[in-house]
Amino acid sequence: MKKICGLLMLGFLATLGILGWFGYQSYSTGFSAKAEPNELEVLIARQLRHLAIPYENRQLRNPLPVTQELMKEARAHFADHCASCHANNGSGETVIGKNVYPKAPDLRLRETQTMSDGELFFIIQNGIRFTAMPGWGTGDPAKDSGSWQLVHFIRHLPSLTEEELQEMAGLNPKTKKELQEEALFDQFLGGDDAAASKAAGSHHH
C-alpha cells in the first residue's frame, strides 16, 4: 500500500512539475505565436495527437488507386486550399505558415511521412485542436474522397518535380490586384491599348 501511495505521489508531483514548467514557458513568451515550441512540448503534443486518433482510424489504408488524373486533381486541390499555409512544396515556408503556433510543419520530413494513411486522413478531415489546422471533412464519403487524394499527394511531396511546382503556381488563389492585372492584360490582348498602360502602372516590383 505504501508503495502504491508513493508512486501516486511521484506521479502527482511529476504532473505538477510539468504543468508548472508549461506555465512558466507560456508566461515567459506571453503566449506569442512566434515562439518556437521546445522539444518536450513537441514530443508530448505528437504523442497526444497520436493517441487522440482512434485506433481503427489509424489502421485505415488509402482506398484510392494512384493515377495521373488523381494526382493532377490532388495538386490542384492542395494548391488552392492548402498551399497558403503549407506552400506548394509542403515546406510550410509561407507568411501564414511561419507565423502560426505551432508553425506549419514540413510535410516532406519523416515526422509526417511515417504517419499512417489513416492518421493523415483523420487530421485532414478533423483538423488539430489548438493549432491553425482546420478540419475539412463534410461527412459525405463522395466529397471526402478529396482528402484521400491529398494523402497520396502528401506522400509524393518529397519527390515533387519543378514542372509540378510550376503547374501548381498557376493554380494558387490570386489576390484582387492580380485578378485586375490579368483582366487588363486580357483586354490589351483583345486590342485595348489603354489597358496596357493601366496594367503597367499598377504593376510594381
N, C-alpha and C. Protein backbone atom coordinates (compact mmCIF):
# COMPACT_ATOMS: atom_id res chain seq x y z
N MET A 1 0.83 -1.20 0.00
CA MET A 1 0.00 0.00 0.00
C MET A 1 0.87 1.26 0.00
N LYS A 2 1.94 1.22 0.83
CA LYS A 2 2.84 2.37 0.88
C LYS A 2 3.51 2.61 -0.48
N LYS A 3 3.83 1.50 -1.16
CA LYS A 3 4.47 1.61 -2.47
C LYS A 3 3.55 2.27 -3.48
N ILE A 4 2.26 1.87 -3.45
CA ILE A 4 1.28 2.46 -4.37
C ILE A 4 1.10 3.95 -4.08
N CYS A 5 1.00 4.28 -2.78
CA CYS A 5 0.86 5.69 -2.40
C CYS A 5 2.08 6.50 -2.84
N GLY A 6 3.26 5.88 -2.71
CA GLY A 6 4.48 6.57 -3.13
C GLY A 6 4.50 6.83 -4.62
N LEU A 7 4.07 5.84 -5.40
CA LEU A 7 4.02 6.00 -6.86
C LEU A 7 3.01 7.07 -7.26
N LEU A 8 1.85 7.05 -6.58
CA LEU A 8 0.84 8.07 -6.87
C LEU A 8 1.36 9.46 -6.55
N MET A 9 2.08 9.57 -5.44
CA MET A 9 2.63 10.87 -5.05
C MET A 9 3.67 11.34 -6.07
N LEU A 10 4.52 10.41 -6.53
CA LEU A 10 5.51 10.76 -7.55
C LEU A 10 4.84 11.22 -8.84
N GLY A 11 3.78 10.50 -9.23
CA GLY A 11 3.04 10.89 -10.44
C GLY A 11 2.41 12.26 -10.29
N PHE A 12 1.86 12.52 -9.09
CA PHE A 12 1.23 13.82 -8.82
C PHE A 12 2.26 14.94 -8.88
N LEU A 13 3.41 14.71 -8.26
CA LEU A 13 4.46 15.73 -8.26
C LEU A 13 5.02 15.96 -9.66
N ALA A 14 5.15 14.86 -10.44
CA ALA A 14 5.64 15.00 -11.81
C ALA A 14 4.66 15.81 -12.65
N THR A 15 3.35 15.55 -12.45
CA THR A 15 2.33 16.30 -13.18
C THR A 15 2.38 17.78 -12.81
N LEU A 16 2.52 18.05 -11.51
CA LEU A 16 2.63 19.45 -11.08
C LEU A 16 3.85 20.12 -11.69
N GLY A 17 4.95 19.37 -11.72
CA GLY A 17 6.17 19.92 -12.30
C GLY A 17 6.02 20.26 -13.76
N ILE A 18 5.38 19.35 -14.52
CA ILE A 18 5.17 19.58 -15.95
C ILE A 18 4.25 20.78 -16.17
N LEU A 19 3.14 20.83 -15.39
CA LEU A 19 2.20 21.95 -15.52
C LEU A 19 2.88 23.27 -15.16
N GLY A 20 3.69 23.24 -14.10
CA GLY A 20 4.40 24.45 -13.71
C GLY A 20 5.39 24.90 -14.78
N TRP A 21 6.06 23.92 -15.37
CA TRP A 21 7.04 24.23 -16.43
C TRP A 21 6.35 24.84 -17.64
N PHE A 22 5.20 24.23 -18.04
CA PHE A 22 4.46 24.79 -19.17
C PHE A 22 3.93 26.18 -18.85
N GLY A 23 3.50 26.37 -17.59
CA GLY A 23 3.02 27.69 -17.19
C GLY A 23 4.12 28.74 -17.28
N TYR A 24 5.32 28.36 -16.84
CA TYR A 24 6.45 29.29 -16.91
C TYR A 24 6.79 29.61 -18.36
N GLN A 25 6.82 28.58 -19.21
CA GLN A 25 7.13 28.79 -20.63
C GLN A 25 6.11 29.73 -21.27
N SER A 26 4.82 29.51 -20.95
CA SER A 26 3.76 30.36 -21.52
C SER A 26 3.89 31.79 -21.02
N TYR A 27 4.21 31.93 -19.72
CA TYR A 27 4.36 33.27 -19.14
C TYR A 27 5.55 34.00 -19.74
N SER A 28 6.66 33.30 -19.92
CA SER A 28 7.88 33.94 -20.41
C SER A 28 7.78 34.36 -21.87
N THR A 29 6.94 33.68 -22.64
CA THR A 29 6.78 34.05 -24.06
C THR A 29 5.53 34.88 -24.30
N GLY A 30 4.70 35.06 -23.27
CA GLY A 30 3.50 35.86 -23.43
C GLY A 30 2.51 35.26 -24.42
N PHE A 31 2.48 33.94 -24.54
CA PHE A 31 1.60 33.25 -25.47
C PHE A 31 1.82 33.72 -26.91
N SER A 32 3.05 34.08 -27.22
CA SER A 32 3.37 34.56 -28.56
C SER A 32 3.32 33.42 -29.57
N ALA A 33 2.71 33.68 -30.73
CA ALA A 33 2.66 32.69 -31.80
C ALA A 33 4.01 32.55 -32.50
N LYS A 34 4.91 33.50 -32.24
CA LYS A 34 6.22 33.46 -32.90
C LYS A 34 7.24 32.61 -32.13
N ALA A 35 6.89 32.21 -30.92
CA ALA A 35 7.81 31.38 -30.13
C ALA A 35 7.93 29.99 -30.74
N GLU A 36 9.12 29.41 -30.59
CA GLU A 36 9.35 28.05 -31.07
C GLU A 36 9.01 27.06 -29.96
N PRO A 37 8.15 26.06 -30.24
CA PRO A 37 7.89 25.05 -29.21
C PRO A 37 9.16 24.26 -28.91
N ASN A 38 9.40 23.99 -27.64
CA ASN A 38 10.60 23.23 -27.28
C ASN A 38 10.40 21.74 -27.57
N GLU A 39 11.48 20.97 -27.45
CA GLU A 39 11.45 19.56 -27.84
C GLU A 39 10.47 18.75 -27.00
N LEU A 40 10.40 19.03 -25.71
CA LEU A 40 9.49 18.29 -24.84
C LEU A 40 8.04 18.56 -25.22
N GLU A 41 7.74 19.83 -25.48
CA GLU A 41 6.38 20.21 -25.88
C GLU A 41 6.01 19.52 -27.19
N VAL A 42 6.93 19.48 -28.14
CA VAL A 42 6.68 18.83 -29.43
C VAL A 42 6.43 17.34 -29.22
N LEU A 43 7.26 16.70 -28.39
CA LEU A 43 7.13 15.27 -28.13
C LEU A 43 5.78 14.94 -27.51
N ILE A 44 5.40 15.71 -26.49
CA ILE A 44 4.13 15.47 -25.81
C ILE A 44 2.96 15.71 -26.76
N ALA A 45 3.03 16.79 -27.55
CA ALA A 45 1.94 17.12 -28.48
C ALA A 45 1.76 16.01 -29.52
N ARG A 46 2.87 15.48 -30.03
CA ARG A 46 2.77 14.42 -31.03
C ARG A 46 2.19 13.14 -30.45
N GLN A 47 2.58 12.82 -29.23
CA GLN A 47 2.05 11.62 -28.58
C GLN A 47 0.55 11.77 -28.31
N LEU A 48 0.15 12.95 -27.84
CA LEU A 48 -1.27 13.20 -27.59
C LEU A 48 -2.07 13.15 -28.88
N ARG A 49 -1.51 13.71 -29.95
CA ARG A 49 -2.19 13.67 -31.25
C ARG A 49 -2.37 12.23 -31.71
N HIS A 50 -1.31 11.44 -31.56
CA HIS A 50 -1.38 10.03 -31.98
C HIS A 50 -2.45 9.29 -31.19
N LEU A 51 -2.46 9.49 -29.87
CA LEU A 51 -3.42 8.79 -29.02
C LEU A 51 -4.85 9.28 -29.23
N ALA A 52 -4.99 10.54 -29.66
CA ALA A 52 -6.33 11.11 -29.86
C ALA A 52 -7.01 10.57 -31.12
N ILE A 53 -6.24 10.01 -32.03
CA ILE A 53 -6.82 9.43 -33.24
C ILE A 53 -7.24 8.00 -32.93
N PRO A 54 -8.52 7.66 -33.06
CA PRO A 54 -8.98 6.31 -32.71
C PRO A 54 -8.18 5.23 -33.43
N TYR A 55 -7.96 4.12 -32.74
CA TYR A 55 -7.13 3.03 -33.27
C TYR A 55 -7.62 2.58 -34.64
N GLU A 56 -8.94 2.41 -34.78
CA GLU A 56 -9.47 1.92 -36.06
C GLU A 56 -9.20 2.90 -37.21
N ASN A 57 -9.17 4.19 -36.89
CA ASN A 57 -8.85 5.19 -37.92
C ASN A 57 -7.38 5.14 -38.31
N ARG A 58 -6.52 4.89 -37.33
CA ARG A 58 -5.08 4.81 -37.62
C ARG A 58 -4.75 3.64 -38.53
N GLN A 59 -5.58 2.61 -38.51
CA GLN A 59 -5.31 1.41 -39.31
C GLN A 59 -5.81 1.50 -40.75
N LEU A 60 -6.54 2.56 -41.07
CA LEU A 60 -7.11 2.68 -42.42
C LEU A 60 -6.02 2.83 -43.47
N ARG A 61 -6.25 2.23 -44.62
CA ARG A 61 -5.35 2.39 -45.76
C ARG A 61 -6.07 3.17 -46.85
N ASN A 62 -5.31 3.90 -47.63
CA ASN A 62 -5.90 4.72 -48.70
C ASN A 62 -6.63 3.81 -49.68
N PRO A 63 -7.94 4.01 -49.85
CA PRO A 63 -8.71 3.13 -50.74
C PRO A 63 -8.60 3.50 -52.22
N LEU A 64 -8.00 4.66 -52.52
CA LEU A 64 -7.95 5.13 -53.91
C LEU A 64 -6.65 4.71 -54.58
N PRO A 65 -6.73 4.14 -55.77
CA PRO A 65 -5.51 3.82 -56.52
C PRO A 65 -4.87 5.09 -57.07
N VAL A 66 -3.56 5.11 -57.13
CA VAL A 66 -2.84 6.28 -57.66
C VAL A 66 -2.91 6.27 -59.18
N THR A 67 -3.42 7.36 -59.76
CA THR A 67 -3.45 7.54 -61.21
C THR A 67 -2.96 8.94 -61.53
N GLN A 68 -2.61 9.18 -62.78
CA GLN A 68 -2.17 10.52 -63.18
C GLN A 68 -3.28 11.54 -62.98
N GLU A 69 -4.51 11.14 -63.29
CA GLU A 69 -5.64 12.05 -63.14
C GLU A 69 -5.87 12.39 -61.67
N LEU A 70 -5.76 11.38 -60.80
CA LEU A 70 -5.94 11.63 -59.37
C LEU A 70 -4.88 12.60 -58.86
N MET A 71 -3.63 12.39 -59.25
CA MET A 71 -2.56 13.26 -58.77
C MET A 71 -2.71 14.68 -59.30
N LYS A 72 -3.23 14.81 -60.51
CA LYS A 72 -3.47 16.15 -61.07
C LYS A 72 -4.53 16.88 -60.25
N GLU A 73 -5.61 16.16 -59.90
CA GLU A 73 -6.66 16.75 -59.07
C GLU A 73 -6.13 17.08 -57.68
N ALA A 74 -5.29 16.20 -57.14
CA ALA A 74 -4.73 16.44 -55.81
C ALA A 74 -3.82 17.66 -55.80
N ARG A 75 -3.02 17.84 -56.84
CA ARG A 75 -2.15 19.03 -56.93
C ARG A 75 -2.99 20.30 -56.95
N ALA A 76 -4.06 20.27 -57.74
CA ALA A 76 -4.94 21.44 -57.84
C ALA A 76 -5.60 21.73 -56.49
N HIS A 77 -6.06 20.67 -55.83
CA HIS A 77 -6.71 20.81 -54.52
C HIS A 77 -5.74 21.40 -53.50
N PHE A 78 -4.52 20.87 -53.45
CA PHE A 78 -3.52 21.34 -52.50
C PHE A 78 -3.14 22.79 -52.79
N ALA A 79 -2.93 23.11 -54.07
CA ALA A 79 -2.54 24.48 -54.45
C ALA A 79 -3.62 25.48 -54.06
N ASP A 80 -4.88 25.09 -54.18
CA ASP A 80 -5.99 26.01 -53.93
C ASP A 80 -6.33 26.13 -52.44
N HIS A 81 -6.27 25.01 -51.71
CA HIS A 81 -6.75 25.01 -50.33
C HIS A 81 -5.66 24.95 -49.26
N CYS A 82 -4.51 24.41 -49.59
CA CYS A 82 -3.51 24.10 -48.55
C CYS A 82 -2.23 24.92 -48.64
N ALA A 83 -1.89 25.37 -49.86
CA ALA A 83 -0.58 25.98 -50.08
C ALA A 83 -0.40 27.31 -49.36
N SER A 84 -1.47 28.01 -49.03
CA SER A 84 -1.32 29.29 -48.35
C SER A 84 -0.63 29.13 -47.00
N CYS A 85 -0.79 27.98 -46.36
CA CYS A 85 -0.09 27.69 -45.10
C CYS A 85 1.10 26.77 -45.31
N HIS A 86 0.92 25.74 -46.15
CA HIS A 86 1.94 24.69 -46.27
C HIS A 86 2.92 24.90 -47.41
N ALA A 87 2.66 25.87 -48.31
CA ALA A 87 3.47 26.10 -49.52
C ALA A 87 3.25 24.97 -50.51
N ASN A 88 3.43 25.27 -51.79
CA ASN A 88 3.20 24.25 -52.82
C ASN A 88 4.07 23.01 -52.62
N ASN A 89 5.28 23.22 -52.10
CA ASN A 89 6.20 22.09 -51.93
C ASN A 89 6.07 21.42 -50.57
N GLY A 90 5.12 21.88 -49.74
CA GLY A 90 4.89 21.27 -48.44
C GLY A 90 5.85 21.70 -47.35
N SER A 91 6.70 22.69 -47.63
CA SER A 91 7.73 23.10 -46.67
C SER A 91 7.18 23.90 -45.49
N GLY A 92 6.00 24.52 -45.66
CA GLY A 92 5.45 25.39 -44.63
C GLY A 92 6.05 26.78 -44.64
N GLU A 93 6.92 27.05 -45.63
CA GLU A 93 7.60 28.35 -45.70
C GLU A 93 6.72 29.38 -46.39
N THR A 94 5.67 29.81 -45.69
CA THR A 94 4.80 30.87 -46.18
C THR A 94 4.61 31.89 -45.06
N VAL A 95 4.07 33.05 -45.40
CA VAL A 95 3.84 34.09 -44.38
C VAL A 95 2.94 33.55 -43.27
N ILE A 96 1.87 32.85 -43.66
CA ILE A 96 0.96 32.30 -42.66
C ILE A 96 1.61 31.14 -41.92
N GLY A 97 2.19 30.22 -42.68
CA GLY A 97 2.76 29.02 -42.08
C GLY A 97 3.83 29.29 -41.05
N LYS A 98 4.60 30.37 -41.23
CA LYS A 98 5.70 30.68 -40.31
C LYS A 98 5.25 31.52 -39.12
N ASN A 99 4.01 32.01 -39.14
CA ASN A 99 3.56 32.92 -38.09
C ASN A 99 2.36 32.41 -37.31
N VAL A 100 2.10 31.10 -37.37
CA VAL A 100 1.09 30.49 -36.51
C VAL A 100 1.82 29.65 -35.47
N TYR A 101 1.08 29.20 -34.45
CA TYR A 101 1.70 28.38 -33.40
C TYR A 101 0.88 27.11 -33.20
N PRO A 102 1.51 25.96 -33.34
CA PRO A 102 2.87 25.77 -33.82
C PRO A 102 2.98 26.06 -35.31
N LYS A 103 4.18 26.32 -35.78
CA LYS A 103 4.38 26.63 -37.19
C LYS A 103 3.98 25.44 -38.06
N ALA A 104 3.56 25.74 -39.29
CA ALA A 104 3.18 24.66 -40.21
C ALA A 104 4.38 23.73 -40.40
N PRO A 105 4.19 22.42 -40.26
CA PRO A 105 5.32 21.50 -40.36
C PRO A 105 5.77 21.32 -41.81
N ASP A 106 6.99 20.87 -41.98
CA ASP A 106 7.48 20.49 -43.30
C ASP A 106 6.94 19.09 -43.58
N LEU A 107 5.96 19.01 -44.46
CA LEU A 107 5.28 17.75 -44.72
C LEU A 107 6.16 16.73 -45.44
N ARG A 108 7.32 17.16 -45.91
CA ARG A 108 8.22 16.25 -46.62
C ARG A 108 9.07 15.41 -45.67
N LEU A 109 9.10 15.82 -44.41
CA LEU A 109 10.02 15.19 -43.46
C LEU A 109 9.43 13.93 -42.83
N ARG A 110 10.30 13.19 -42.17
CA ARG A 110 9.97 11.88 -41.61
C ARG A 110 8.77 11.94 -40.66
N GLU A 111 8.68 13.01 -39.86
CA GLU A 111 7.63 13.10 -38.86
C GLU A 111 6.24 13.00 -39.47
N THR A 112 6.09 13.49 -40.70
CA THR A 112 4.80 13.38 -41.40
C THR A 112 4.76 12.14 -42.27
N GLN A 113 5.83 11.86 -42.98
CA GLN A 113 5.84 10.77 -43.94
C GLN A 113 5.69 9.39 -43.28
N THR A 114 6.05 9.26 -42.01
CA THR A 114 5.92 7.97 -41.34
C THR A 114 4.54 7.77 -40.71
N MET A 115 3.70 8.78 -40.77
CA MET A 115 2.33 8.63 -40.26
C MET A 115 1.56 7.71 -41.20
N SER A 116 0.59 6.99 -40.65
CA SER A 116 -0.21 6.08 -41.48
C SER A 116 -1.17 6.86 -42.36
N ASP A 117 -1.68 6.20 -43.40
CA ASP A 117 -2.68 6.83 -44.26
C ASP A 117 -3.87 7.30 -43.43
N GLY A 118 -4.29 6.44 -42.50
CA GLY A 118 -5.45 6.76 -41.68
C GLY A 118 -5.23 7.97 -40.80
N GLU A 119 -4.01 8.13 -40.26
CA GLU A 119 -3.71 9.29 -39.43
C GLU A 119 -3.77 10.58 -40.25
N LEU A 120 -3.15 10.55 -41.43
CA LEU A 120 -3.17 11.74 -42.29
C LEU A 120 -4.61 12.10 -42.68
N PHE A 121 -5.39 11.09 -43.06
CA PHE A 121 -6.78 11.32 -43.46
C PHE A 121 -7.57 11.91 -42.29
N PHE A 122 -7.39 11.37 -41.10
CA PHE A 122 -8.13 11.84 -39.92
C PHE A 122 -7.80 13.30 -39.64
N ILE A 123 -6.53 13.66 -39.75
CA ILE A 123 -6.12 15.05 -39.48
C ILE A 123 -6.70 16.00 -40.52
N ILE A 124 -6.67 15.60 -41.80
CA ILE A 124 -7.24 16.44 -42.85
C ILE A 124 -8.74 16.62 -42.62
N GLN A 125 -9.41 15.55 -42.23
CA GLN A 125 -10.85 15.59 -42.03
C GLN A 125 -11.27 16.37 -40.79
N ASN A 126 -10.50 16.22 -39.71
CA ASN A 126 -10.94 16.74 -38.42
C ASN A 126 -10.12 17.91 -37.90
N GLY A 127 -8.96 18.18 -38.51
CA GLY A 127 -8.12 19.25 -38.02
C GLY A 127 -7.40 18.85 -36.73
N ILE A 128 -6.67 19.80 -36.15
CA ILE A 128 -5.96 19.56 -34.89
C ILE A 128 -6.28 20.70 -33.94
N ARG A 129 -6.86 20.36 -32.83
CA ARG A 129 -7.26 21.38 -31.85
C ARG A 129 -6.05 22.16 -31.34
N PHE A 130 -6.27 23.45 -31.08
CA PHE A 130 -5.24 24.38 -30.57
C PHE A 130 -4.11 24.61 -31.56
N THR A 131 -4.37 24.40 -32.83
CA THR A 131 -3.42 24.74 -33.89
C THR A 131 -4.18 25.48 -34.97
N ALA A 132 -3.48 25.86 -36.05
CA ALA A 132 -4.14 26.54 -37.16
C ALA A 132 -4.72 25.56 -38.18
N MET A 133 -4.59 24.24 -37.91
CA MET A 133 -5.07 23.24 -38.86
C MET A 133 -6.57 23.04 -38.72
N PRO A 134 -7.35 23.44 -39.76
CA PRO A 134 -8.80 23.25 -39.70
C PRO A 134 -9.19 21.84 -40.13
N GLY A 135 -10.41 21.46 -39.85
CA GLY A 135 -10.94 20.18 -40.32
C GLY A 135 -11.77 20.40 -41.57
N TRP A 136 -11.48 19.62 -42.63
CA TRP A 136 -12.14 19.82 -43.92
C TRP A 136 -13.22 18.79 -44.20
N GLY A 137 -13.47 17.87 -43.28
CA GLY A 137 -14.43 16.80 -43.53
C GLY A 137 -15.86 17.32 -43.65
N THR A 138 -16.63 16.69 -44.52
CA THR A 138 -18.03 17.08 -44.72
C THR A 138 -19.00 16.01 -44.23
N GLY A 139 -18.49 14.80 -43.99
CA GLY A 139 -19.37 13.70 -43.62
C GLY A 139 -19.95 12.98 -44.82
N ASP A 140 -19.67 13.49 -46.01
CA ASP A 140 -20.13 12.87 -47.26
C ASP A 140 -18.96 12.12 -47.88
N PRO A 141 -19.00 10.77 -47.89
CA PRO A 141 -17.87 9.99 -48.42
C PRO A 141 -17.48 10.38 -49.84
N ALA A 142 -18.46 10.76 -50.67
CA ALA A 142 -18.16 11.14 -52.05
C ALA A 142 -17.30 12.40 -52.09
N LYS A 143 -17.64 13.38 -51.26
CA LYS A 143 -16.88 14.63 -51.23
C LYS A 143 -15.55 14.45 -50.49
N ASP A 144 -15.56 13.60 -49.48
CA ASP A 144 -14.36 13.43 -48.66
C ASP A 144 -13.29 12.59 -49.35
N SER A 145 -13.58 12.08 -50.53
CA SER A 145 -12.55 11.34 -51.27
C SER A 145 -11.39 12.27 -51.62
N GLY A 146 -11.66 13.58 -51.66
CA GLY A 146 -10.60 14.54 -51.92
C GLY A 146 -9.51 14.49 -50.84
N SER A 147 -9.90 14.13 -49.62
CA SER A 147 -8.91 14.03 -48.55
C SER A 147 -7.99 12.83 -48.76
N TRP A 148 -8.53 11.74 -49.31
CA TRP A 148 -7.69 10.59 -49.64
C TRP A 148 -6.74 10.95 -50.79
N GLN A 149 -7.21 11.77 -51.72
CA GLN A 149 -6.32 12.24 -52.79
C GLN A 149 -5.15 13.03 -52.19
N LEU A 150 -5.46 13.86 -51.20
CA LEU A 150 -4.41 14.66 -50.57
C LEU A 150 -3.40 13.77 -49.83
N VAL A 151 -3.86 12.67 -49.27
CA VAL A 151 -2.93 11.74 -48.62
C VAL A 151 -1.91 11.23 -49.63
N HIS A 152 -2.38 10.86 -50.83
CA HIS A 152 -1.46 10.43 -51.89
C HIS A 152 -0.50 11.56 -52.25
N PHE A 153 -1.02 12.79 -52.32
CA PHE A 153 -0.16 13.92 -52.70
C PHE A 153 0.90 14.18 -51.63
N ILE A 154 0.52 14.10 -50.36
CA ILE A 154 1.49 14.30 -49.28
C ILE A 154 2.61 13.27 -49.37
N ARG A 155 2.27 12.04 -49.71
CA ARG A 155 3.29 11.00 -49.89
C ARG A 155 4.25 11.35 -51.04
N HIS A 156 3.74 12.08 -52.01
CA HIS A 156 4.53 12.41 -53.21
C HIS A 156 5.40 13.64 -53.01
N LEU A 157 5.14 14.43 -51.96
CA LEU A 157 5.84 15.70 -51.77
C LEU A 157 7.36 15.60 -51.81
N PRO A 158 7.99 14.59 -51.20
CA PRO A 158 9.46 14.53 -51.24
C PRO A 158 10.03 14.42 -52.64
N SER A 159 9.24 13.97 -53.60
CA SER A 159 9.74 13.80 -54.97
C SER A 159 9.02 14.70 -55.97
N LEU A 160 8.43 15.80 -55.48
CA LEU A 160 7.73 16.73 -56.35
C LEU A 160 8.70 17.35 -57.35
N THR A 161 8.28 17.45 -58.61
CA THR A 161 9.16 17.96 -59.66
C THR A 161 8.96 19.46 -59.88
N GLU A 162 9.92 20.08 -60.56
CA GLU A 162 9.81 21.51 -60.88
C GLU A 162 8.62 21.77 -61.78
N GLU A 163 8.35 20.85 -62.71
CA GLU A 163 7.21 21.01 -63.61
C GLU A 163 5.91 21.02 -62.81
N GLU A 164 5.81 20.15 -61.82
CA GLU A 164 4.60 20.11 -60.99
C GLU A 164 4.46 21.38 -60.16
N LEU A 165 5.57 21.89 -59.65
CA LEU A 165 5.54 23.13 -58.88
C LEU A 165 5.10 24.31 -59.74
N GLN A 166 5.57 24.36 -60.97
CA GLN A 166 5.17 25.44 -61.88
C GLN A 166 3.68 25.34 -62.19
N GLU A 167 3.20 24.13 -62.38
CA GLU A 167 1.77 23.93 -62.62
C GLU A 167 0.96 24.42 -61.43
N MET A 168 1.39 24.09 -60.23
CA MET A 168 0.67 24.48 -59.02
C MET A 168 0.69 25.99 -58.81
N ALA A 169 1.79 26.63 -59.18
CA ALA A 169 1.89 28.09 -59.02
C ALA A 169 0.78 28.80 -59.78
N GLY A 170 0.39 28.23 -60.92
CA GLY A 170 -0.70 28.82 -61.70
C GLY A 170 -2.07 28.52 -61.14
N LEU A 171 -2.13 27.64 -60.13
CA LEU A 171 -3.41 27.25 -59.54
C LEU A 171 -3.64 27.86 -58.16
N ASN A 172 -2.62 28.56 -57.64
CA ASN A 172 -2.77 29.20 -56.33
C ASN A 172 -3.80 30.32 -56.38
N PRO A 173 -4.54 30.55 -55.30
CA PRO A 173 -5.50 31.67 -55.28
C PRO A 173 -4.81 32.99 -55.56
N LYS A 174 -5.48 33.85 -56.29
CA LYS A 174 -4.91 35.15 -56.66
C LYS A 174 -5.55 36.27 -55.85
N THR A 175 -4.77 37.32 -55.61
CA THR A 175 -5.30 38.48 -54.91
C THR A 175 -6.18 39.28 -55.87
N LYS A 176 -6.94 40.21 -55.31
CA LYS A 176 -7.80 41.07 -56.13
C LYS A 176 -6.98 41.87 -57.13
N LYS A 177 -5.80 42.34 -56.69
CA LYS A 177 -4.94 43.12 -57.57
C LYS A 177 -4.43 42.26 -58.74
N GLU A 178 -4.05 41.03 -58.44
CA GLU A 178 -3.57 40.13 -59.50
C GLU A 178 -4.66 39.84 -60.51
N LEU A 179 -5.88 39.66 -60.04
CA LEU A 179 -7.00 39.41 -60.94
C LEU A 179 -7.28 40.62 -61.82
N GLN A 180 -7.17 41.83 -61.24
CA GLN A 180 -7.38 43.05 -62.02
C GLN A 180 -6.31 43.19 -63.10
N GLU A 181 -5.05 42.88 -62.75
CA GLU A 181 -3.97 42.96 -63.73
C GLU A 181 -4.17 41.96 -64.85
N GLU A 182 -4.63 40.76 -64.52
CA GLU A 182 -4.90 39.76 -65.54
C GLU A 182 -6.01 40.22 -66.48
N ALA A 183 -7.05 40.84 -65.89
CA ALA A 183 -8.17 41.32 -66.70
C ALA A 183 -7.70 42.42 -67.66
N LEU A 184 -6.86 43.34 -67.17
CA LEU A 184 -6.33 44.40 -68.02
C LEU A 184 -5.46 43.83 -69.13
N PHE A 185 -4.67 42.81 -68.81
CA PHE A 185 -3.81 42.19 -69.82
C PHE A 185 -4.64 41.50 -70.89
N ASP A 186 -5.72 40.85 -70.47
CA ASP A 186 -6.62 40.21 -71.43
C ASP A 186 -7.26 41.25 -72.35
N GLN A 187 -7.61 42.42 -71.77
CA GLN A 187 -8.18 43.49 -72.59
C GLN A 187 -7.16 43.99 -73.61
N PHE A 188 -5.89 44.10 -73.17
CA PHE A 188 -4.84 44.53 -74.07
C PHE A 188 -4.67 43.54 -75.23
N LEU A 189 -4.69 42.26 -74.91
CA LEU A 189 -4.58 41.24 -75.96
C LEU A 189 -5.75 41.30 -76.91
N GLY A 190 -6.88 41.83 -76.41
CA GLY A 190 -8.06 41.97 -77.25
C GLY A 190 -8.05 43.25 -78.07
N GLY A 191 -6.97 44.06 -77.93
CA GLY A 191 -6.85 45.25 -78.76
C GLY A 191 -7.04 46.56 -78.04
N ASP A 192 -7.21 46.53 -76.72
CA ASP A 192 -7.40 47.76 -75.95
C ASP A 192 -6.03 48.27 -75.49
N ASP A 193 -5.45 49.25 -76.24
CA ASP A 193 -4.12 49.76 -75.92
C ASP A 193 -4.09 50.50 -74.58
N ALA A 194 -5.20 51.13 -74.21
CA ALA A 194 -5.25 51.87 -72.95
C ALA A 194 -5.09 50.92 -71.76
N ALA A 195 -5.56 49.69 -71.93
CA ALA A 195 -5.45 48.72 -70.84
C ALA A 195 -4.00 48.38 -70.54
N ALA A 196 -3.15 48.43 -71.57
CA ALA A 196 -1.73 48.10 -71.37
C ALA A 196 -1.07 49.10 -70.44
N SER A 197 -1.36 50.40 -70.63
CA SER A 197 -0.75 51.42 -69.77
C SER A 197 -1.27 51.32 -68.34
N LYS A 198 -2.54 50.96 -68.19
CA LYS A 198 -3.11 50.78 -66.85
C LYS A 198 -2.44 49.61 -66.14
N ALA A 199 -2.24 48.54 -66.89
CA ALA A 199 -1.61 47.35 -66.30
C ALA A 199 -0.18 47.65 -65.89
N ALA A 200 0.54 48.40 -66.73
CA ALA A 200 1.93 48.75 -66.42
C ALA A 200 2.00 49.65 -65.21
N GLY A 201 1.03 50.57 -65.09
CA GLY A 201 1.02 51.49 -63.97
C GLY A 201 0.69 50.83 -62.65
N SER A 202 -0.05 49.71 -62.71
CA SER A 202 -0.45 49.04 -61.47
C SER A 202 0.53 47.97 -61.05
N HIS A 203 1.54 47.68 -61.89
CA HIS A 203 2.48 46.60 -61.59
C HIS A 203 3.79 47.17 -61.08
N HIS A 204 4.16 46.80 -59.86
CA HIS A 204 5.39 47.30 -59.25
C HIS A 204 6.24 46.14 -58.78
N HIS A 205 7.56 46.30 -58.86
CA HIS A 205 8.48 45.26 -58.38
C HIS A 205 9.11 45.72 -57.08
